[in-house]
Amino acid sequence: MKEQRESVLVICGHGMVSQRLLESLCRGQDRPFDRIVVFNGERADAYNRIQLSVLLAGDTDEAAMTLQSENWFRDRGITVCNGESVVAIDRQSRTVTTATGRVQHYSHLVLATGAEPAKPQLPGADLRGVMTFRDLDDARSLIDTARYQRRAVVIGGGFLGLETADGLRQRGMAVTLLHRSDHLLNRQLDPVGGALLQQHMEARGINVLTGTSPKALLGRSRVRAVQLDNDTLISTDLVVFATGITPRAQLAREAGLACDRGILVDSQLRTSDPFIRALGECCQLEDVTFGLVEPGYQQADVLAEVLASTAEGRDCGAAYTPVDTPTRLKISGVPIFSCGQISADQDTESVIWQDHEHNHYCRLLIRNQRLAGAVLLGDTRDGPWYSQRIQQQDDISRYRDHIAFGKHYCEAAA
């Protein structure tokens, strides 16, 4: 009789979503696989990537960012190989090969390779002092650079760009923030909210330029200036690109898996190979890719259930469906919440409430007596309640006149 081969789950990548998958798999008493092996391209144990900007600002340390201790993995029989990325997948033999030459068999393979920073192809982009901010090594480099350089230009007015700019400012650098849109956080805020946020950033000493883009980076061996699209020159010692991310799908492409912008998956996170799954920032479901951690957590919980049932030889009805995830941010001490539609159109009415003294702003979009969108800045306590109204599409006509004042006023009026 042929001896049955042990079941091995191999995971490529060890970020926050990958760790959530491990925790979901290990929640019960029964282990669905004989072995779990994680190959982590980064040298550090899995950490809270959201806290990188907090680390840059000097408000936390690396130890506090670690998601689990080494004992946690050892107690659950999970092997984690830090600093050892997977470089090739052999789908026929069901093996992966790592950068060290190790060959590891898998019964099931999960790709959690994340994303890489998008870096525009500008003249001078390869000069020293031009960086991105994506991982712990980037944070360490920025902290080290801020010790002996004085001027920085951050390109990108999204969440990461704003946090990077403020972190470098707290490290003592003179910072200019460039954003090509007409207002900051243009995917989360309307123009008024973006303008209020810009006023806050400028009050903290950051020079903000919107509606402009870099044309070239200038210098001999090290960057010394940024040339804007109107030919203005900004002197600098450091340039940080925070211009979005691109799914890291090259490993999957080279293995012959179906890919578009990301690795194509179905609702059970299955790729075009039934023994390979993908989740998080590297994957794409229909035409949707994912840049936030919350959808990745939801995918991890679904995938843990799917993998456990598959290992036991039974079908599973669990499936991941993308939902409109509210954006909850805190930038330089200012809470921000947005959900649903951000910009008004011909079919929506706007309800606006503003407290100039406390820098609080609320804009609600209403369509056919139902809430379609919410933008909150400064006071976001009612954000989850607004999000629930958007998702459930309740008729708000009974308390429409009180909607801007939040949950308690509306419940009293109803």
Protein backbone atom coordinates (compact mmCIF):
# COMPACT_ATOMS: atom_id res chain seq x y z
CA MET A 1 0.00 0.00 0.00
CA LYS A 2 1.34 3.43 -0.95
CA GLU A 3 2.03 5.66 2.05
CA GLN A 4 -0.08 8.81 2.03
CA ARG A 5 1.98 12.00 1.70
CA GLU A 6 1.60 14.56 4.49
CA SER A 7 -0.61 17.55 3.78
CA VAL A 8 1.38 20.77 3.65
CA LEU A 9 0.04 24.29 3.36
CA VAL A 10 2.62 26.74 1.99
CA ILE A 11 2.03 30.48 2.25
CA CYS A 12 4.07 32.96 0.21
CA GLY A 13 4.23 36.22 2.13
CA HIS A 14 3.78 37.09 5.78
CA GLY A 15 2.01 40.40 6.15
CA MET A 16 -1.04 41.35 8.18
CA VAL A 17 -3.50 39.43 5.96
CA SER A 18 -1.33 36.32 5.90
CA GLN A 19 -1.11 36.41 9.70
CA ARG A 20 -4.89 36.77 9.94
CA LEU A 21 -5.21 33.64 7.79
CA LEU A 22 -2.91 31.72 10.14
CA GLU A 23 -4.87 32.84 13.19
CA SER A 24 -8.17 31.89 11.57
CA LEU A 25 -6.81 28.46 10.61
CA CYS A 26 -5.55 27.82 14.15
CA ARG A 27 -8.69 29.00 15.92
CA GLY A 28 -10.16 25.52 16.31
CA GLN A 29 -8.76 22.43 17.98
CA ASP A 30 -8.31 20.39 14.81
CA ARG A 31 -5.45 21.21 12.46
CA PRO A 32 -6.50 20.99 8.80
CA PHE A 33 -2.90 20.40 7.62
CA ASP A 34 -0.02 18.30 8.90
CA ARG A 35 2.37 21.18 8.34
CA ILE A 36 2.17 24.89 7.60
CA VAL A 37 5.23 26.60 6.10
CA VAL A 38 5.39 30.38 5.60
CA PHE A 39 8.01 32.00 3.37
CA ASN A 40 8.48 35.66 4.20
CA GLY A 41 10.46 37.86 1.82
CA GLU A 42 11.02 40.42 4.57
CA ARG A 43 13.63 39.81 7.25
CA ALA A 44 11.36 40.87 10.11
CA ASP A 45 8.55 38.89 11.70
CA ALA A 46 5.04 39.84 10.59
CA TYR A 47 4.27 43.35 11.82
CA ASN A 48 1.49 45.92 11.77
CA ARG A 49 2.19 47.74 8.51
CA ILE A 50 -0.39 50.41 9.38
CA GLN A 51 1.92 51.53 12.19
CA LEU A 52 4.87 52.27 9.88
CA SER A 53 3.97 55.97 9.74
CA VAL A 54 3.66 56.00 13.52
CA LEU A 55 7.14 54.48 13.72
CA LEU A 56 8.43 57.14 11.33
CA ALA A 57 6.95 59.85 13.55
CA GLY A 58 8.74 58.36 16.58
CA ASP A 59 5.53 57.45 18.42
CA THR A 60 6.11 53.69 18.59
CA ASP A 61 8.95 51.18 18.27
CA GLU A 62 9.48 48.07 16.19
CA ALA A 63 8.85 45.67 19.07
CA ALA A 64 5.35 47.08 19.59
CA MET A 65 4.50 46.46 15.92
CA THR A 66 5.14 42.70 15.97
CA LEU A 67 1.90 40.77 15.50
CA GLN A 68 2.80 37.53 17.31
CA SER A 69 5.70 36.19 19.32
CA GLU A 70 7.93 33.36 18.12
CA ASN A 71 6.31 31.17 20.77
CA TRP A 72 2.93 31.55 19.09
CA PHE A 73 4.20 29.97 15.88
CA ARG A 74 6.23 27.29 17.65
CA ASP A 75 3.27 26.24 19.82
CA ARG A 76 1.16 25.75 16.70
CA GLY A 77 3.80 23.96 14.67
CA ILE A 78 4.07 26.71 12.07
CA THR A 79 7.43 27.12 10.35
CA VAL A 80 8.21 30.72 9.34
CA CYS A 81 11.21 31.38 7.09
CA ASN A 82 12.04 35.10 7.27
CA GLY A 83 14.14 36.69 4.55
CA GLU A 84 13.38 33.82 2.18
CA SER A 85 11.04 34.69 -0.66
CA VAL A 86 9.57 32.23 -3.15
CA VAL A 87 11.03 32.76 -6.63
CA ALA A 88 9.37 29.97 -8.63
CA ILE A 89 6.32 27.72 -8.57
CA ASP A 90 6.26 24.31 -10.26
CA ARG A 91 2.56 23.57 -10.57
CA GLN A 92 3.07 20.11 -12.05
CA SER A 93 5.14 18.79 -9.14
CA ARG A 94 3.42 21.13 -6.66
CA THR A 95 6.62 22.61 -5.31
CA VAL A 96 7.97 26.08 -4.70
CA THR A 97 11.60 27.14 -4.91
CA THR A 98 12.91 29.90 -2.66
CA ALA A 99 15.68 32.44 -3.11
CA THR A 100 18.01 30.19 -1.10
CA GLY A 101 17.41 27.23 -3.43
CA ARG A 102 15.13 25.38 -1.04
CA VAL A 103 12.44 23.26 -2.73
CA GLN A 104 9.27 22.77 -0.71
CA HIS A 105 6.31 20.53 -1.62
CA TYR A 106 2.79 21.83 -1.06
CA SER A 107 -0.66 20.28 -0.97
CA HIS A 108 -2.17 23.73 -1.16
CA LEU A 109 -0.42 27.02 -1.87
CA VAL A 110 -1.55 30.49 -0.82
CA LEU A 111 -0.12 33.58 -2.51
CA ALA A 112 -0.14 36.56 -0.14
CA THR A 113 2.59 38.51 -1.87
CA GLY A 114 0.98 41.90 -1.30
CA ALA A 115 1.76 44.89 -3.47
CA GLU A 116 4.68 47.09 -4.38
CA PRO A 117 4.80 50.87 -4.43
CA ALA A 118 4.00 52.53 -7.73
CA LYS A 119 6.95 54.68 -8.73
CA PRO A 120 6.42 57.03 -11.70
CA GLN A 121 9.01 56.83 -14.46
CA LEU A 122 10.52 60.30 -14.12
CA PRO A 123 13.96 61.52 -15.19
CA GLY A 124 16.19 61.26 -12.13
CA ALA A 125 14.05 58.67 -10.33
CA ASP A 126 17.13 56.48 -9.86
CA LEU A 127 19.12 59.15 -7.97
CA ARG A 128 20.20 58.53 -4.39
CA GLY A 129 17.74 60.03 -1.95
CA VAL A 130 14.68 58.98 -3.98
CA MET A 131 12.69 56.47 -1.93
CA THR A 132 9.34 54.81 -1.45
CA PHE A 133 7.67 54.01 1.86
CA ARG A 134 6.21 50.54 1.95
CA ASP A 135 7.96 48.30 4.49
CA LEU A 136 10.06 48.26 7.64
CA ASP A 137 13.33 48.65 5.76
CA ASP A 138 11.93 51.77 4.07
CA ALA A 139 10.96 53.19 7.47
CA ARG A 140 14.44 52.55 8.82
CA SER A 141 16.01 54.26 5.80
CA LEU A 142 13.76 57.31 6.16
CA ILE A 143 14.48 57.60 9.88
CA ASP A 144 18.22 57.37 9.19
CA THR A 145 18.03 59.94 6.36
CA ALA A 146 16.13 62.40 8.56
CA ARG A 147 19.06 62.41 10.99
CA TYR A 148 21.40 64.17 8.57
CA GLN A 149 19.21 65.70 5.84
CA ARG A 150 16.96 68.72 6.32
CA ARG A 151 14.59 69.03 3.33
CA ALA A 152 12.08 66.56 1.93
CA VAL A 153 9.50 66.44 -0.85
CA VAL A 154 6.69 63.89 -0.54
CA ILE A 155 4.81 63.11 -3.76
CA GLY A 156 1.22 61.96 -3.26
CA GLY A 157 -1.60 63.42 -1.18
CA GLY A 158 -3.28 60.17 -0.18
CA PHE A 159 -3.21 58.72 3.33
CA LEU A 160 0.34 57.38 3.09
CA GLY A 161 1.70 60.61 1.63
CA LEU A 162 0.10 62.72 4.35
CA GLU A 163 1.36 60.48 7.12
CA THR A 164 4.84 60.33 5.59
CA ALA A 165 4.98 64.11 5.34
CA ASP A 166 3.91 64.57 8.94
CA GLY A 167 6.30 61.87 10.18
CA LEU A 168 9.26 63.52 8.46
CA ARG A 169 8.16 66.88 9.85
CA GLN A 170 8.18 65.40 13.35
CA ARG A 171 11.72 64.18 12.62
CA GLY A 172 12.73 67.83 12.08
CA MET A 173 12.65 68.04 8.29
CA ALA A 174 11.21 70.90 6.22
CA VAL A 175 8.58 69.13 4.11
CA THR A 176 6.78 70.00 0.89
CA LEU A 177 3.85 67.78 -0.12
CA LEU A 178 2.87 67.55 -3.81
CA HIS A 179 -0.51 66.25 -4.98
CA ARG A 180 -1.71 66.24 -8.57
CA SER A 181 -5.41 66.43 -7.66
CA ASP A 182 -7.02 69.72 -6.70
CA HIS A 183 -7.54 68.59 -3.09
CA LEU A 184 -6.01 66.15 -0.61
CA LEU A 185 -7.45 62.67 -0.12
CA ASN A 186 -9.52 63.13 -3.26
CA ARG A 187 -10.73 59.51 -3.12
CA GLN A 188 -12.05 59.90 0.41
CA LEU A 189 -12.93 63.58 0.82
CA ASP A 190 -14.88 66.16 -1.11
CA PRO A 191 -13.17 69.48 -2.02
CA VAL A 192 -14.27 71.25 1.18
CA GLY A 193 -13.03 68.42 3.40
CA GLY A 194 -9.77 68.29 1.44
CA ALA A 195 -9.29 72.04 1.86
CA LEU A 196 -9.88 71.83 5.61
CA LEU A 197 -7.35 69.03 5.86
CA GLN A 198 -4.84 71.09 3.86
CA GLN A 199 -5.29 74.00 6.26
CA HIS A 200 -4.56 71.65 9.16
CA MET A 201 -1.42 70.28 7.50
CA GLU A 202 -0.16 73.76 6.68
CA ALA A 203 -0.79 74.87 10.26
CA ARG A 204 1.55 72.07 11.32
CA GLY A 205 4.29 73.53 9.11
CA ILE A 206 3.97 71.41 5.95
CA ASN A 207 4.03 73.21 2.61
CA VAL A 208 1.18 71.71 0.52
CA LEU A 209 0.96 72.16 -3.26
CA THR A 210 -2.12 70.70 -4.96
CA GLY A 211 -2.95 70.55 -8.65
CA THR A 212 0.68 70.00 -9.54
CA SER A 213 2.96 67.12 -10.52
CA PRO A 214 6.71 66.52 -10.70
CA LYS A 215 8.26 66.74 -14.15
CA ALA A 216 11.81 65.62 -13.28
CA LEU A 217 14.13 64.97 -10.35
CA LEU A 218 17.40 66.84 -10.62
CA GLY A 219 20.88 66.13 -9.27
CA ARG A 220 24.20 64.50 -10.17
CA SER A 221 24.44 61.46 -7.94
CA ARG A 222 21.94 62.53 -5.27
CA VAL A 223 18.60 64.27 -5.74
CA ARG A 224 18.87 68.02 -5.15
CA ALA A 225 15.67 69.45 -6.62
CA VAL A 226 12.22 68.58 -7.96
CA GLN A 227 11.13 70.25 -11.20
CA LEU A 228 7.34 70.73 -11.32
CA ASP A 229 5.15 70.62 -14.40
CA ASN A 230 5.11 74.44 -14.41
CA ASP A 231 8.96 74.38 -14.31
CA THR A 232 9.13 75.60 -10.70
CA LEU A 233 12.14 74.11 -8.85
CA ILE A 234 11.94 72.92 -5.25
CA SER A 235 15.28 72.27 -3.55
CA THR A 236 15.38 69.06 -1.55
CA ASP A 237 17.62 66.36 -0.06
CA LEU A 238 15.00 63.61 -0.10
CA VAL A 239 12.07 62.61 -2.35
CA VAL A 240 9.51 60.07 -1.19
CA PHE A 241 6.99 58.61 -3.63
CA ALA A 242 3.62 57.78 -2.07
CA THR A 243 1.68 57.45 -5.29
CA GLY A 244 -0.22 54.21 -4.82
CA ILE A 245 0.49 50.49 -5.12
CA THR A 246 0.59 47.77 -7.76
CA PRO A 247 -0.40 44.14 -6.99
CA ARG A 248 2.69 41.93 -6.79
CA ALA A 249 1.66 39.27 -9.30
CA GLN A 250 4.88 38.50 -11.18
CA LEU A 251 5.46 35.17 -9.41
CA ALA A 252 1.96 34.04 -10.42
CA ARG A 253 2.39 35.24 -14.00
CA GLU A 254 5.63 33.33 -14.39
CA ALA A 255 3.85 30.21 -13.09
CA GLY A 256 1.20 30.58 -15.80
CA LEU A 257 -1.67 31.62 -13.53
CA ALA A 258 -4.36 33.87 -14.96
CA CYS A 259 -3.59 37.50 -14.08
CA ASP A 260 -4.84 40.94 -14.97
CA ARG A 261 -3.74 43.82 -12.75
CA GLY A 262 -3.60 41.26 -9.95
CA ILE A 263 -3.88 37.48 -9.62
CA LEU A 264 -7.37 36.53 -10.75
CA VAL A 265 -9.43 34.66 -8.14
CA ASP A 266 -13.02 33.54 -7.65
CA SER A 267 -15.20 34.11 -4.59
CA GLN A 268 -13.39 31.33 -2.73
CA LEU A 269 -10.01 32.95 -3.52
CA ARG A 270 -9.17 30.14 -5.97
CA THR A 271 -6.81 31.00 -8.83
CA SER A 272 -6.85 29.33 -12.24
CA ASP A 273 -5.03 26.43 -10.52
CA PRO A 274 -7.34 24.62 -8.05
CA PHE A 275 -4.43 23.98 -5.65
CA ILE A 276 -3.39 27.64 -5.47
CA ARG A 277 -5.24 30.47 -3.74
CA ALA A 278 -4.45 34.17 -3.47
CA LEU A 279 -5.68 36.91 -1.17
CA GLY A 280 -5.04 40.48 -0.12
CA GLU A 281 -3.41 43.15 -2.21
CA CYS A 282 -1.99 40.75 -4.81
CA CYS A 283 -5.36 39.34 -5.90
CA GLN A 284 -8.16 40.58 -8.14
CA LEU A 285 -11.80 39.48 -7.97
CA GLU A 286 -13.54 40.31 -11.24
CA ASP A 287 -12.34 43.90 -11.82
CA VAL A 288 -11.71 44.78 -8.17
CA THR A 289 -8.30 44.94 -6.48
CA PHE A 290 -7.76 45.64 -2.80
CA GLY A 291 -5.59 48.24 -1.09
CA LEU A 292 -7.04 48.22 2.43
CA VAL A 293 -6.44 45.70 5.19
CA GLU A 294 -10.11 45.15 6.10
CA PRO A 295 -11.07 43.38 2.82
CA GLY A 296 -7.94 41.25 3.25
CA TYR A 297 -9.06 40.22 6.72
CA GLN A 298 -12.47 39.26 5.37
CA GLN A 299 -10.81 37.21 2.63
CA ALA A 300 -8.55 35.51 5.18
CA ASP A 301 -11.50 34.39 7.30
CA VAL A 302 -13.29 33.01 4.25
CA LEU A 303 -10.17 31.27 2.96
CA ALA A 304 -9.46 29.65 6.34
CA GLU A 305 -12.92 28.07 6.24
CA VAL A 306 -12.49 27.00 2.62
CA LEU A 307 -9.04 25.46 3.19
CA ALA A 308 -10.17 23.59 6.31
CA SER A 309 -13.14 22.07 4.50
CA THR A 310 -11.04 21.22 1.43
CA ALA A 311 -8.43 19.48 3.57
CA GLU A 312 -11.20 17.41 5.14
CA GLY A 313 -12.63 16.50 1.73
CA ARG A 314 -15.93 18.35 2.11
CA ASP A 315 -17.56 21.21 0.26
CA CYS A 316 -17.78 24.64 1.78
CA GLY A 317 -20.29 27.37 1.06
CA ALA A 318 -18.12 30.20 2.34
CA ALA A 319 -17.52 32.92 -0.24
CA TYR A 320 -16.04 36.39 -0.25
CA THR A 321 -18.12 39.24 -1.67
CA PRO A 322 -16.59 42.72 -1.93
CA VAL A 323 -18.47 45.33 0.06
CA ASP A 324 -18.15 49.09 0.27
CA THR A 325 -15.71 49.34 3.17
CA PRO A 326 -15.81 52.65 5.03
CA THR A 327 -12.56 54.58 5.20
CA ARG A 328 -11.50 55.37 8.75
CA LEU A 329 -8.31 57.38 9.07
CA LYS A 330 -6.58 59.57 11.58
CA ILE A 331 -4.14 61.98 10.01
CA SER A 332 -2.01 64.18 12.25
CA GLY A 333 -4.60 63.82 14.98
CA VAL A 334 -7.59 64.59 12.72
CA PRO A 335 -10.17 61.74 12.48
CA ILE A 336 -11.62 61.18 8.99
CA PHE A 337 -14.50 58.94 7.92
CA SER A 338 -15.97 58.45 4.48
CA CYS A 339 -18.34 55.91 3.02
CA GLY A 340 -20.37 55.50 -0.15
CA GLN A 341 -20.60 58.24 -2.75
CA ILE A 342 -18.21 61.14 -2.19
CA SER A 343 -19.10 63.60 -4.94
CA ALA A 344 -22.56 65.04 -5.58
CA ASP A 345 -24.33 64.53 -8.90
CA GLN A 346 -27.61 65.66 -10.47
CA ASP A 347 -29.58 63.01 -8.56
CA THR A 348 -28.28 63.78 -5.06
CA GLU A 349 -28.93 66.44 -2.46
CA SER A 350 -26.19 67.61 -0.09
CA VAL A 351 -26.68 68.22 3.61
CA ILE A 352 -23.70 70.08 5.08
CA TRP A 353 -22.93 70.85 8.70
CA GLN A 354 -19.77 72.66 9.76
CA ASP A 355 -18.35 73.78 13.11
CA HIS A 356 -15.69 76.33 12.20
CA GLU A 357 -14.54 76.80 15.78
CA HIS A 358 -13.66 73.12 16.27
CA ASN A 359 -12.82 72.37 12.60
CA HIS A 360 -15.58 69.76 12.30
CA TYR A 361 -17.17 69.05 8.92
CA CYS A 362 -19.99 66.78 7.80
CA ARG A 363 -21.37 66.32 4.29
CA LEU A 364 -24.13 63.82 3.58
CA LEU A 365 -25.42 62.88 0.13
CA ILE A 366 -29.06 61.87 -0.16
CA ARG A 367 -30.82 60.23 -3.09
CA ASN A 368 -34.55 59.46 -3.04
CA GLN A 369 -34.75 59.87 0.74
CA ARG A 370 -31.92 57.39 1.26
CA LEU A 371 -28.38 58.10 2.36
CA ALA A 372 -25.91 57.63 -0.49
CA GLY A 373 -22.65 58.93 1.00
CA ALA A 374 -21.03 60.48 4.05
CA VAL A 375 -17.87 62.53 4.56
CA LEU A 376 -16.86 63.41 8.14
CA LEU A 377 -13.80 65.29 9.33
CA GLY A 378 -12.92 66.11 12.94
CA ASP A 379 -15.89 64.37 14.59
CA THR A 380 -16.47 60.89 13.21
CA ARG A 381 -18.42 59.28 16.06
CA ASP A 382 -21.56 58.84 13.94
CA GLY A 383 -19.66 57.39 10.99
CA PRO A 384 -20.59 53.73 11.62
CA TRP A 385 -24.27 54.69 11.96
CA TYR A 386 -24.18 56.58 8.65
CA SER A 387 -22.42 53.61 7.05
CA GLN A 388 -25.19 51.31 8.25
CA ARG A 389 -27.83 53.61 6.73
CA ILE A 390 -25.95 53.59 3.42
CA GLN A 391 -25.65 49.81 3.36
CA GLN A 392 -29.24 49.12 4.44
CA GLN A 393 -30.70 51.94 2.30
CA ASP A 394 -33.22 52.91 4.96
CA ASP A 395 -35.86 55.54 4.21
CA ILE A 396 -34.64 58.57 6.19
CA SER A 397 -37.62 60.86 5.49
CA ARG A 398 -38.82 60.71 9.12
CA TYR A 399 -35.61 62.28 10.43
CA ARG A 400 -34.10 63.86 7.34
CA ASP A 401 -34.09 67.34 8.90
CA HIS A 402 -31.92 66.02 11.75
CA ILE A 403 -29.63 63.70 9.77
CA ALA A 404 -26.57 65.95 9.99
CA PHE A 405 -26.70 65.90 13.79
CA GLY A 406 -26.19 62.15 14.03
CA LYS A 407 -27.71 59.01 15.44
CA HIS A 408 -29.17 60.25 18.72
CA TYR A 409 -30.99 63.23 17.21
CA CYS A 410 -32.40 61.07 14.43
CA GLU A 411 -33.59 58.33 16.77
CA ALA A 412 -35.29 60.94 18.95
CA ALA A 413 -36.97 62.52 15.91
CA ALA A 414 -38.15 59.17 14.57
